[in-house]
């Protein structure tokens, strides 16, 4: 093996890791311990061992601690949650690298149950601290990794509707996937539902508790699966590491359906997604619309060489965390910027977002250049900032800028939930990774549209 392609499913209770081309996966409790005698740090089962022996102090729920900006005091030393998470990730990757000495990390995808920006920023910071380029690190939701894993199977597995139950100590979730063949490409629609009937896996240790858990799953299955035709059903999570404790539920889901159990599905799906980044042409030619992905396309009409064209600032199916665009245009008398939002579900339905250029200097036509920056706080919330860039020495740039927050789309008004929000704090732009030439024939103006990787805006 000449390159490591890694998928990591990172949760508060357990972490699972998979390497492309390897059958076995790693399952490690998400805990870290500092040994009292030598001050060394240990994770997973080793952390539990030294804690039970009285030789260490353990910290768990590392993701929650990092998101809440929490701290843990060990031997009179206070550690930030983000620092503990970084040390945990460092040891997980060291564990994987030890199996493949000298092999560089080519791609790493981290799968999360909840796509929270603070946690995602923290994980990208971990990559920086570990010397892994951000270009090689991506973050995906459990739902997206479910899609990648299922669509890596034969077509008869996902040709119709696909359902999945995920059972862990943290939650019981139901996922659903439907692939629709459009005129140009396939669209994979996936969503999940958190089920209130979740239970602790400790109940499975007793016969009575296992029977109760079996009954709970049967009730969920009856409610969610009735009157639907499925190509397949998947079972994942630690709770489905074995299924003999749920005979009635298994009888229910297996009735006239194909059922597959894969406890490490999210980690394996993440590894498949990681491998796809290395392909010149994607092995998954579909638009994925699910948690962590934009459901709408944001575009803007511009004139280029006397032709009116649309420039996509963000496309449906892109990761909202990585969707960052900067566009510089020359105004030809316009007093507002108009963005067009469309949904692939109904491309004829459009929502127009008009942003008045209030406070911008009045200049003759084609003598005002503005920079439009678009980013996202989540899959529903778009951040827009517009800055005056002047026009060379004739019209120097000013401090005029706009941060805009249109009203959100009311519920029941269609399939375009995206809305804008004002950006707070300083605004800077990351280096672009994709260049679209919008050069004008006017001197001194090099318009451009670039894409930048995820994170914050930088200047």
Protein backbone atom coordinates (compact mmCIF):
# COMPACT_ATOMS: atom_id res chain seq x y z
CA UNK A 1 0.00 0.00 0.00
CA UNK A 2 1.51 3.33 -1.06
CA UNK A 3 -1.09 5.70 0.42
CA UNK A 4 -3.46 5.71 3.35
CA UNK A 5 -7.15 6.39 2.69
CA UNK A 6 -8.84 6.70 6.07
CA UNK A 7 -12.42 7.02 7.23
CA UNK A 8 -13.11 7.82 10.90
CA UNK A 9 -16.52 7.76 12.55
CA UNK A 10 -16.10 10.04 15.55
CA UNK A 11 -18.73 9.89 18.29
CA UNK A 12 -18.83 10.76 21.99
CA UNK A 13 -18.96 7.12 23.10
CA UNK A 14 -16.95 5.20 20.50
CA UNK A 15 -14.72 5.95 17.52
CA UNK A 16 -14.47 3.59 14.57
CA UNK A 17 -11.80 3.79 11.90
CA UNK A 18 -11.50 2.10 8.52
CA UNK A 19 -8.76 2.04 5.90
CA UNK A 20 -9.61 1.50 2.24
CA UNK A 21 -8.63 -2.01 1.19
CA UNK A 22 -8.60 -3.38 4.76
CA UNK A 23 -11.30 -5.74 6.02
CA UNK A 24 -10.85 -5.09 9.74
CA UNK A 25 -11.82 -1.85 11.45
CA UNK A 26 -10.74 -0.26 14.71
CA UNK A 27 -13.30 0.34 17.46
CA UNK A 28 -11.96 2.57 20.22
CA UNK A 29 -13.82 4.16 23.16
CA UNK A 30 -13.66 7.96 22.84
CA UNK A 31 -11.84 8.51 26.12
CA UNK A 32 -8.37 9.74 27.06
CA UNK A 33 -6.38 9.22 30.24
CA UNK A 34 -3.22 10.75 31.67
CA UNK A 35 -1.11 8.26 33.59
CA UNK A 36 0.02 9.56 36.98
CA UNK A 37 3.45 7.94 37.05
CA UNK A 38 4.95 8.94 33.70
CA UNK A 39 2.51 11.62 32.53
CA UNK A 40 1.79 9.67 29.33
CA UNK A 41 -1.53 9.90 27.51
CA UNK A 42 -3.55 6.82 26.61
CA UNK A 43 -6.83 6.32 24.76
CA UNK A 44 -9.54 3.69 24.46
CA UNK A 45 -9.27 0.45 26.41
CA UNK A 46 -5.81 1.37 27.71
CA UNK A 47 -7.30 4.50 29.24
CA UNK A 48 -9.92 2.41 31.02
CA UNK A 49 -7.26 -0.06 32.22
CA UNK A 50 -5.05 2.54 33.88
CA UNK A 51 -8.04 4.31 35.39
CA UNK A 52 -9.38 1.09 36.94
CA UNK A 53 -5.91 0.39 38.32
CA UNK A 54 -5.92 3.80 39.96
CA UNK A 55 -2.97 4.95 37.86
CA UNK A 56 -4.73 7.48 35.67
CA UNK A 57 -7.43 10.14 35.40
CA UNK A 58 -9.88 9.64 32.55
CA UNK A 59 -11.89 12.15 30.46
CA UNK A 60 -14.82 11.08 28.30
CA UNK A 61 -17.37 12.75 25.97
CA UNK A 62 -14.53 14.58 24.23
CA UNK A 63 -16.66 15.93 21.38
CA UNK A 64 -19.21 17.51 23.72
CA UNK A 65 -16.40 18.96 25.82
CA UNK A 66 -14.80 20.60 22.77
CA UNK A 67 -18.10 21.99 21.44
CA UNK A 68 -18.97 23.55 24.82
CA UNK A 69 -15.46 25.05 25.20
CA UNK A 70 -15.22 22.94 28.34
CA UNK A 71 -12.14 22.07 30.36
CA UNK A 72 -10.89 19.14 32.41
CA UNK A 73 -8.48 19.41 35.34
CA UNK A 74 -5.98 16.58 35.61
CA UNK A 75 -3.27 16.62 38.29
CA UNK A 76 -3.94 20.33 38.95
CA UNK A 77 -3.49 21.16 35.25
CA UNK A 78 -6.44 22.53 33.29
CA UNK A 79 -6.83 21.23 29.74
CA UNK A 80 -9.13 22.68 27.09
CA UNK A 81 -11.59 20.29 25.47
CA UNK A 82 -10.18 21.08 22.03
CA UNK A 83 -6.67 20.18 23.23
CA UNK A 84 -7.83 16.83 24.63
CA UNK A 85 -9.65 16.06 21.38
CA UNK A 86 -6.49 16.88 19.42
CA UNK A 87 -4.41 14.52 21.59
CA UNK A 88 -7.03 11.81 21.18
CA UNK A 89 -7.07 12.19 17.38
CA UNK A 90 -3.26 12.20 17.33
CA UNK A 91 -3.18 8.82 19.06
CA UNK A 92 -5.92 7.33 16.90
CA UNK A 93 -4.02 8.28 13.75
CA UNK A 94 -0.76 7.02 15.28
CA UNK A 95 -2.49 3.70 15.93
CA UNK A 96 -3.49 3.47 12.26
CA UNK A 97 -0.12 4.66 10.95
CA UNK A 98 1.68 2.08 13.08
CA UNK A 99 0.06 -0.62 10.93
CA UNK A 100 1.36 1.09 7.77
CA UNK A 101 4.79 2.54 8.64
CA UNK A 102 6.06 5.14 6.21
CA UNK A 103 2.80 5.31 4.23
CA UNK A 104 1.50 8.91 3.94
CA UNK A 105 -2.11 9.92 4.53
CA UNK A 106 -3.63 10.61 1.09
CA UNK A 107 -7.17 11.43 2.23
CA UNK A 108 -9.01 11.51 5.54
CA UNK A 109 -12.78 11.82 5.95
CA UNK A 110 -14.24 12.25 9.43
CA UNK A 111 -17.88 11.29 9.88
CA UNK A 112 -19.98 13.08 12.51
CA UNK A 113 -23.45 12.45 13.85
CA UNK A 114 -24.13 16.20 14.13
CA UNK A 115 -22.54 18.75 11.79
CA UNK A 116 -21.74 21.54 14.24
CA UNK A 117 -19.46 24.27 12.92
CA UNK A 118 -17.54 24.68 16.18
CA UNK A 119 -16.69 20.98 16.26
CA UNK A 120 -15.79 20.95 12.57
CA UNK A 121 -13.48 23.95 13.01
CA UNK A 122 -11.90 22.18 15.98
CA UNK A 123 -11.24 19.05 13.91
CA UNK A 124 -9.67 21.06 11.09
CA UNK A 125 -7.47 22.67 13.75
CA UNK A 126 -6.51 19.16 14.88
CA UNK A 127 -5.43 18.38 11.32
CA UNK A 128 -3.25 21.51 11.31
CA UNK A 129 -1.63 20.52 14.60
CA UNK A 130 -0.98 17.01 13.30
CA UNK A 131 0.68 18.29 10.13
CA UNK A 132 -2.04 17.03 7.77
CA UNK A 133 -2.93 19.48 5.01
CA UNK A 134 -6.51 20.73 5.11
CA UNK A 135 -6.81 19.82 1.45
CA UNK A 136 -6.61 16.17 2.52
CA UNK A 137 -9.22 16.38 5.29
CA UNK A 138 -13.00 16.46 4.82
CA UNK A 139 -15.93 16.18 7.21
CA UNK A 140 -19.15 14.36 6.33
CA UNK A 141 -22.38 13.60 8.14
CA UNK A 142 -23.44 10.09 9.09
CA UNK A 143 -26.21 10.44 6.52
CA UNK A 144 -23.76 11.15 3.69
CA UNK A 145 -21.51 8.24 4.69
CA UNK A 146 -24.60 6.02 4.69
CA UNK A 147 -25.26 7.16 1.11
CA UNK A 148 -21.69 6.43 -0.03
CA UNK A 149 -21.67 2.99 1.57
CA UNK A 150 -25.02 1.96 0.09
CA UNK A 151 -24.25 3.28 -3.40
CA UNK A 152 -20.97 1.35 -3.41
CA UNK A 153 -23.04 -1.85 -3.46
CA UNK A 154 -24.66 -3.47 -6.50
CA UNK A 155 -27.54 -1.57 -8.05
CA UNK A 156 -30.16 -4.09 -6.96
CA UNK A 157 -29.36 -3.15 -3.35
CA UNK A 158 -30.25 0.53 -3.82
CA UNK A 159 -32.44 0.53 -6.94
CA UNK A 160 -35.51 1.21 -4.78
CA UNK A 161 -35.93 2.72 -1.36
CA UNK A 162 -33.30 1.89 1.29
CA UNK A 163 -33.82 2.08 5.05
CA UNK A 164 -31.38 1.80 7.92
CA UNK A 165 -31.51 1.57 11.71
CA UNK A 166 -28.52 2.83 13.69
CA UNK A 167 -28.35 1.74 17.34
CA UNK A 168 -25.72 3.01 19.73
CA UNK A 169 -25.48 4.05 23.37
CA UNK A 170 -26.05 7.61 22.26
CA UNK A 171 -29.11 7.28 20.05
CA UNK A 172 -31.50 5.21 17.98
CA UNK A 173 -31.83 6.65 14.48
CA UNK A 174 -33.65 5.71 11.31
CA UNK A 175 -32.22 6.65 7.89
CA UNK A 176 -33.88 6.55 4.49
CA UNK A 177 -32.39 6.82 1.00
CA UNK A 178 -34.02 7.16 -2.41
CA UNK A 179 -32.09 7.49 -5.67
CA UNK A 180 -33.89 9.35 -8.44
CA UNK A 181 -32.70 9.26 -12.06
CA UNK A 182 -32.99 12.75 -13.54
CA UNK A 183 -32.55 13.85 -17.17
CA UNK A 184 -28.86 14.63 -16.62
CA UNK A 185 -27.74 12.79 -13.50
CA UNK A 186 -28.89 10.84 -10.49
CA UNK A 187 -29.93 12.52 -7.26
CA UNK A 188 -29.59 10.71 -3.94
CA UNK A 189 -32.10 12.01 -1.39
CA UNK A 190 -31.36 10.92 2.17
CA UNK A 191 -32.61 11.95 5.58
CA UNK A 192 -32.69 10.67 9.13
CA UNK A 193 -35.00 10.72 12.11
CA UNK A 194 -33.95 10.65 15.76
CA UNK A 195 -36.20 8.13 17.48
CA UNK A 196 -37.36 8.90 21.01
CA UNK A 197 -37.42 5.19 21.81
CA UNK A 198 -33.61 5.00 22.16
CA UNK A 199 -32.26 2.98 25.08
CA UNK A 200 -28.97 2.23 26.80
CA UNK A 201 -27.20 -0.82 25.43
CA UNK A 202 -26.63 -1.98 29.00
CA UNK A 203 -30.19 -3.33 29.03
CA UNK A 204 -29.06 -6.02 26.57
CA UNK A 205 -27.01 -7.64 29.35
CA UNK A 206 -30.13 -9.21 30.87
CA UNK A 207 -32.75 -11.42 29.15
CA UNK A 208 -35.62 -9.23 30.30
CA UNK A 209 -33.87 -6.08 29.08
CA UNK A 210 -33.15 -7.66 25.70
CA UNK A 211 -36.81 -8.65 25.32
CA UNK A 212 -37.88 -5.09 26.11
CA UNK A 213 -35.37 -3.70 23.56
CA UNK A 214 -36.65 -6.18 20.97
CA UNK A 215 -40.21 -4.97 21.56
CA UNK A 216 -39.12 -1.33 21.21
CA UNK A 217 -37.47 -2.01 17.85
CA UNK A 218 -40.50 -3.95 16.64
CA UNK A 219 -42.73 -0.98 17.45
CA UNK A 220 -40.39 1.36 15.57
CA UNK A 221 -40.20 -1.01 12.61
CA UNK A 222 -43.96 -1.33 12.40
CA UNK A 223 -44.37 2.44 12.38
CA UNK A 224 -41.56 3.26 9.94
CA UNK A 225 -41.55 0.37 7.49
CA UNK A 226 -45.20 -0.36 6.89
CA UNK A 227 -46.67 0.22 3.42
CA UNK A 228 -43.23 0.90 1.91
CA UNK A 229 -41.29 -1.14 -0.62
CA UNK A 230 -37.59 -1.50 0.12
CA UNK A 231 -34.70 -2.75 -1.95
CA UNK A 232 -32.81 -3.34 1.28
CA UNK A 233 -32.55 -2.57 4.99
CA UNK A 234 -29.24 -1.90 6.75
CA UNK A 235 -28.42 -2.26 10.45
CA UNK A 236 -25.43 -0.46 11.96
CA UNK A 237 -24.00 0.69 15.26
CA UNK A 238 -22.63 -1.10 18.29
CA UNK A 239 -26.10 -2.33 19.21
CA UNK A 240 -26.22 -4.41 16.04
CA UNK A 241 -22.78 -5.94 16.54
CA UNK A 242 -24.88 -9.05 17.07
CA UNK A 243 -28.60 -9.47 16.43
CA UNK A 244 -29.52 -12.64 18.36
CA UNK A 245 -30.99 -10.52 21.17
CA UNK A 246 -33.73 -9.17 18.82
CA UNK A 247 -35.34 -12.24 17.18
CA UNK A 248 -38.77 -10.65 16.65
CA UNK A 249 -37.36 -7.48 15.16
CA UNK A 250 -35.13 -9.48 12.80
CA UNK A 251 -38.10 -11.57 11.74
CA UNK A 252 -40.02 -8.34 11.03
CA UNK A 253 -37.36 -6.53 8.96
CA UNK A 254 -36.32 -9.68 7.07
CA UNK A 255 -39.84 -10.38 5.88
CA UNK A 256 -39.61 -10.15 2.05
CA UNK A 257 -36.63 -7.77 2.36
CA UNK A 258 -32.86 -8.00 2.00
CA UNK A 259 -31.18 -7.07 5.27
CA UNK A 260 -27.48 -6.28 5.80
CA UNK A 261 -25.70 -5.73 9.14
CA UNK A 262 -22.50 -3.63 9.15
CA UNK A 263 -21.58 -2.21 12.59
CA UNK A 264 -18.86 0.04 11.09
CA UNK A 265 -20.92 1.36 8.17
CA UNK A 266 -20.23 5.06 8.80
CA UNK A 267 -16.45 4.58 9.02
CA UNK A 268 -16.45 2.43 5.87
CA UNK A 269 -18.64 4.97 4.06
CA UNK A 270 -16.21 7.71 5.09
CA UNK A 271 -13.29 5.69 3.69
CA UNK A 272 -15.17 5.21 0.41
CA UNK A 273 -15.78 8.96 0.18
CA UNK A 274 -12.10 9.60 0.98
CA UNK A 275 -11.03 7.29 -1.83
CA UNK A 276 -13.33 9.03 -4.29
CA UNK A 277 -11.43 12.30 -3.81
CA UNK A 278 -8.41 10.64 -5.42
CA UNK A 279 -10.27 9.61 -8.56
CA UNK A 280 -10.04 11.73 -11.69
CA UNK A 281 -13.67 10.92 -12.35
CA UNK A 282 -16.00 10.22 -9.45
CA UNK A 283 -17.24 6.68 -8.99
CA UNK A 284 -20.42 8.20 -7.56
CA UNK A 285 -21.94 10.33 -10.35
CA UNK A 286 -24.85 11.68 -8.36
CA UNK A 287 -25.92 14.79 -6.48
CA UNK A 288 -26.21 13.95 -2.80
CA UNK A 289 -28.85 15.92 -0.92
CA UNK A 290 -28.71 15.17 2.78
CA UNK A 291 -27.54 16.52 6.11
CA UNK A 292 -24.32 18.49 5.63
CA UNK A 293 -25.12 19.29 1.99
CA UNK A 294 -26.68 22.37 0.44
CA UNK A 295 -30.23 21.70 -0.76
CA UNK A 296 -30.29 24.71 -3.12
CA UNK A 297 -28.06 26.35 -5.71
CA UNK A 298 -27.09 30.00 -5.30
CA UNK A 299 -26.27 31.83 -8.53
CA UNK A 300 -25.87 35.33 -9.93
CA UNK A 301 -26.44 36.68 -13.45
CA UNK A 302 -23.53 38.59 -14.98
CA UNK A 303 -22.51 39.90 -18.40
CA UNK A 304 -19.46 38.29 -19.94
CA UNK A 305 -18.32 39.39 -23.39
CA UNK A 306 -21.77 40.81 -24.18
CA UNK A 307 -23.53 37.59 -23.11
CA UNK A 308 -25.70 37.15 -20.05
CA UNK A 309 -24.64 34.08 -18.06
CA UNK A 310 -25.27 32.63 -14.62
CA UNK A 311 -22.39 32.03 -12.25
CA UNK A 312 -22.96 29.43 -9.53
CA UNK A 313 -21.70 30.71 -6.19
CA UNK A 314 -22.72 27.47 -4.46
CA UNK A 315 -24.33 24.34 -5.86
CA UNK A 316 -26.88 21.95 -4.42
CA UNK A 317 -25.06 18.86 -3.20
CA UNK A 318 -21.94 20.73 -2.06
CA UNK A 319 -20.77 20.52 1.52
CA UNK A 320 -21.98 23.72 3.17
CA UNK A 321 -18.79 23.77 5.24
CA UNK A 322 -16.56 23.75 2.16
CA UNK A 323 -18.73 25.97 -0.06
CA UNK A 324 -16.95 29.32 -0.10
CA UNK A 325 -17.00 31.66 -3.10
CA UNK A 326 -15.62 35.09 -3.89
CA UNK A 327 -16.78 36.99 -6.95
CA UNK A 328 -15.63 40.40 -8.15
CA UNK A 329 -17.86 42.21 -10.64
CA UNK A 330 -18.14 45.67 -12.20
CA UNK A 331 -21.46 47.44 -11.73
CA UNK A 332 -23.15 48.92 -14.77
CA UNK A 333 -25.50 51.28 -12.97
CA UNK A 334 -27.00 48.63 -10.68
CA UNK A 335 -28.08 49.73 -7.23
CA UNK A 336 -28.57 46.24 -5.84
CA UNK A 337 -27.06 42.77 -6.04
CA UNK A 338 -29.47 39.99 -6.97
CA UNK A 339 -28.87 36.37 -6.03
CA UNK A 340 -30.93 33.53 -7.52
CA UNK A 341 -31.75 30.51 -5.36
CA UNK A 342 -33.11 27.35 -6.99
CA UNK A 343 -33.78 23.81 -5.86
CA UNK A 344 -32.98 20.72 -7.97
CA UNK A 345 -36.32 19.35 -6.86
CA UNK A 346 -38.13 22.17 -8.66
CA UNK A 347 -35.65 24.12 -10.86
CA UNK A 348 -38.39 26.32 -12.32
CA UNK A 349 -39.18 27.72 -8.90
CA UNK A 350 -36.77 30.52 -8.04
CA UNK A 351 -36.27 32.78 -5.08
CA UNK A 352 -34.63 36.14 -5.64
CA UNK A 353 -32.58 37.74 -2.88
CA UNK A 354 -32.02 41.44 -3.58
CA UNK A 355 -29.37 43.25 -1.57
CA UNK A 356 -29.52 47.08 -1.93
CA UNK A 357 -26.10 48.74 -2.17
CA UNK A 358 -26.93 51.32 0.46
CA UNK A 359 -24.00 53.50 1.51
CA UNK A 360 -21.92 52.73 -1.58
CA UNK A 361 -20.43 55.76 -3.42
CA UNK A 362 -22.26 57.04 -6.51
CA UNK A 363 -20.04 56.64 -9.56
CA UNK A 364 -20.54 56.56 -13.35
CA UNK A 365 -21.53 53.19 -14.87
CA UNK A 366 -18.75 50.58 -15.07
CA UNK A 367 -16.51 52.41 -12.60
CA UNK A 368 -17.41 50.50 -9.43
CA UNK A 369 -15.94 47.11 -8.69
CA UNK A 370 -17.41 45.12 -5.79
CA UNK A 371 -16.35 41.91 -4.10
CA UNK A 372 -19.15 39.51 -3.20
CA UNK A 373 -18.30 36.81 -0.66
CA UNK A 374 -20.65 33.92 -0.01
CA UNK A 375 -20.30 31.36 2.77
CA UNK A 376 -22.49 29.26 5.02
CA UNK A 377 -23.07 28.75 8.74
CA UNK A 378 -25.08 25.57 8.12
CA UNK A 379 -27.02 23.99 5.26
CA UNK A 380 -29.84 26.53 5.65
CA UNK A 381 -27.99 29.76 6.48
CA UNK A 382 -26.00 31.75 3.93
CA UNK A 383 -23.62 34.56 4.83
CA UNK A 384 -23.18 37.33 2.25
CA UNK A 385 -20.73 40.23 2.39
CA UNK A 386 -20.29 42.90 -0.29
CA UNK A 387 -17.28 45.27 -0.27
CA UNK A 388 -16.44 48.27 -2.45
CA UNK A 389 -13.16 47.67 -4.32
CA UNK A 390 -13.02 50.96 -6.20
CA UNK A 391 -11.74 51.26 -9.78
CA UNK A 392 -8.00 51.71 -9.86
CA UNK A 393 -6.57 55.18 -9.23
CA UNK A 394 -9.55 56.92 -10.82
CA UNK A 395 -11.93 55.86 -8.06
CA UNK A 396 -10.08 54.54 -4.99
CA UNK A 397 -11.84 51.93 -2.89
CA UNK A 398 -13.77 53.02 0.18
CA UNK A 399 -14.75 51.42 3.47
CA UNK A 400 -18.27 50.75 2.19
CA UNK A 401 -19.45 47.22 2.89
CA UNK A 402 -22.73 45.42 3.45
CA UNK A 403 -23.62 42.43 5.58
CA UNK A 404 -27.12 41.34 4.69
CA UNK A 405 -29.82 39.30 6.44
CA UNK A 406 -32.99 38.77 4.41
CA UNK A 407 -35.99 37.17 6.06
CA UNK A 408 -35.96 33.36 6.10
CA UNK A 409 -38.29 31.53 3.76
CA UNK A 410 -41.58 30.82 5.60
CA UNK A 411 -42.48 27.18 6.00
CA UNK A 412 -44.71 25.73 3.31
CA UNK A 413 -43.46 28.05 0.54
CA UNK A 414 -41.60 25.48 -1.50
CA UNK A 415 -38.33 23.58 -1.51
CA UNK A 416 -35.91 26.50 -1.19
CA UNK A 417 -35.19 26.74 2.55
CA UNK A 418 -31.93 28.68 2.17
CA UNK A 419 -31.82 32.16 3.64
CA UNK A 420 -29.17 34.77 4.28
CA UNK A 421 -27.73 36.10 7.46
CA UNK A 422 -25.39 38.94 8.26
CA UNK A 423 -21.79 37.99 8.83
CA UNK A 424 -20.29 39.05 12.13
CA UNK A 425 -16.70 39.84 12.95
CA UNK A 426 -13.77 40.46 10.61
CA UNK A 427 -14.06 39.15 7.06
CA UNK A 428 -11.07 37.64 5.29
CA UNK A 429 -10.89 35.28 2.34
CA UNK A 430 -9.12 31.97 2.09
CA UNK A 431 -7.01 31.15 -0.98
CA UNK A 432 -9.14 30.04 -3.91
CA UNK A 433 -9.07 26.52 -5.25
CA UNK A 434 -11.05 27.11 -8.43
CA UNK A 435 -10.86 30.06 -10.80
CA UNK A 436 -13.54 31.31 -13.13
CA UNK A 437 -12.44 34.05 -15.51
CA UNK A 438 -14.79 37.03 -15.49
CA UNK A 439 -12.25 39.49 -16.81
CA UNK A 440 -13.62 42.75 -18.15
CA UNK A 441 -12.17 44.62 -21.12
CA UNK A 442 -12.00 47.75 -18.94
CA UNK A 443 -8.47 48.58 -17.76
CA UNK A 444 -7.49 47.87 -14.19
CA UNK A 445 -10.27 45.35 -13.48
CA UNK A 446 -9.60 41.66 -13.12
CA UNK A 447 -12.95 40.17 -12.10
CA UNK A 448 -12.85 36.64 -10.80
CA UNK A 449 -14.89 33.96 -9.08
CA UNK A 450 -13.03 31.55 -6.87
CA UNK A 451 -13.88 28.73 -4.52
CA UNK A 452 -12.17 28.46 -1.18
CA UNK A 453 -12.07 25.51 1.24
CA UNK A 454 -14.17 25.32 4.39
CA UNK A 455 -13.61 27.37 7.50
CA UNK A 456 -14.13 31.06 8.12
CA UNK A 457 -13.82 34.02 5.82
CA UNK A 458 -10.34 35.59 5.86
CA UNK A 459 -8.90 38.76 4.23
